[in-house]
């Protein structure tokens, strides 16, 4: 995994809490905390985008598409 060094500004109180967690060995260093926090936030944003996109789907239309797909697939299944 490649890494890049960056300079960021962090609220003083947040930094104190971050340092406390590093001091308690919850995380090995500040970089690990910031990297994990950024990854989690990005994942959360991506999940919420998907949820918002799904709000525009019509359940009846999606069900109809699924039934069309299932009907076609069933004909291709081998007989047991």
Protein backbone atom coordinates (compact mmCIF):
# COMPACT_ATOMS: atom_id res chain seq x y z
CA UNK A 1 0.00 0.00 0.00
CA UNK A 2 1.43 3.36 -0.97
CA UNK A 3 0.92 6.34 1.27
CA UNK A 4 1.16 10.09 0.80
CA UNK A 5 2.06 12.62 3.42
CA UNK A 6 -0.35 15.52 3.81
CA UNK A 7 -0.79 18.41 6.18
CA UNK A 8 -4.20 18.80 7.79
CA UNK A 9 -5.68 21.11 10.39
CA UNK A 10 -7.56 19.42 13.24
CA UNK A 11 -9.61 20.99 16.00
CA UNK A 12 -7.56 21.14 19.20
CA UNK A 13 -10.09 19.16 21.25
CA UNK A 14 -10.34 16.48 18.56
CA UNK A 15 -6.55 16.21 18.50
CA UNK A 16 -6.46 15.77 22.29
CA UNK A 17 -8.96 12.92 22.03
CA UNK A 18 -7.01 11.41 19.14
CA UNK A 19 -3.78 11.56 21.14
CA UNK A 20 -5.53 10.01 24.14
CA UNK A 21 -6.56 7.04 22.01
CA UNK A 22 -3.02 6.67 20.69
CA UNK A 23 -1.71 6.93 24.26
CA UNK A 24 -4.11 4.20 25.38
CA UNK A 25 -2.81 2.09 22.48
CA UNK A 26 -6.24 1.89 20.85
CA UNK A 27 -4.38 2.99 17.71
CA UNK A 28 -0.68 2.78 16.98
CA UNK A 29 -0.30 6.39 15.82
CA UNK A 30 -2.13 9.51 14.65
CA UNK A 31 -1.85 8.54 11.01
CA UNK A 32 -3.67 5.26 11.64
CA UNK A 33 -6.53 7.06 13.37
CA UNK A 34 -6.92 9.67 10.62
CA UNK A 35 -6.63 7.07 7.83
CA UNK A 36 -9.25 4.78 9.40
CA UNK A 37 -11.59 7.69 10.12
CA UNK A 38 -11.34 8.91 6.52
CA UNK A 39 -12.00 5.41 5.14
CA UNK A 40 -15.04 4.94 7.38
CA UNK A 41 -16.45 8.33 6.38
CA UNK A 42 -15.96 7.59 2.67
CA UNK A 43 -17.71 4.22 3.07
CA UNK A 44 -20.60 5.88 4.92
CA UNK A 45 -20.97 8.51 2.20
CA UNK A 46 -20.93 5.86 -0.51
CA UNK A 47 -23.59 3.79 1.31
CA UNK A 48 -25.82 6.83 1.75
CA UNK A 49 -25.46 7.67 -1.97
CA UNK A 50 -26.61 4.15 -2.83
CA UNK A 51 -29.53 4.45 -0.42
CA UNK A 52 -30.56 7.78 -1.96
CA UNK A 53 -30.33 6.30 -5.46
CA UNK A 54 -32.50 3.37 -4.37
CA UNK A 55 -35.21 5.78 -3.21
CA UNK A 56 -35.92 6.55 -6.87
CA UNK A 57 -36.57 2.93 -7.78
CA UNK A 58 -40.16 1.86 -8.36
CA UNK A 59 -40.74 -1.36 -6.34
CA UNK A 60 -43.37 -2.64 -8.79
CA UNK A 61 -41.06 -2.05 -11.75
CA UNK A 62 -38.13 -3.73 -9.99
CA UNK A 63 -40.34 -6.73 -9.11
CA UNK A 64 -41.45 -7.01 -12.75
CA UNK A 65 -37.84 -6.97 -13.93
CA UNK A 66 -36.95 -9.66 -11.40
CA UNK A 67 -39.85 -11.84 -12.50
CA UNK A 68 -38.90 -11.49 -16.15
CA UNK A 69 -35.34 -12.44 -15.34
CA UNK A 70 -36.37 -15.36 -13.15
CA UNK A 71 -38.81 -16.72 -15.75
CA UNK A 72 -36.11 -16.74 -18.40
CA UNK A 73 -33.59 -18.33 -16.09
CA UNK A 74 -35.96 -21.10 -14.98
CA UNK A 75 -36.30 -22.39 -18.53
CA UNK A 76 -32.52 -22.80 -18.72
CA UNK A 77 -32.19 -24.71 -15.45
CA UNK A 78 -31.51 -28.44 -15.75
CA UNK A 79 -34.24 -30.88 -14.67
CA UNK A 80 -33.47 -32.73 -11.42
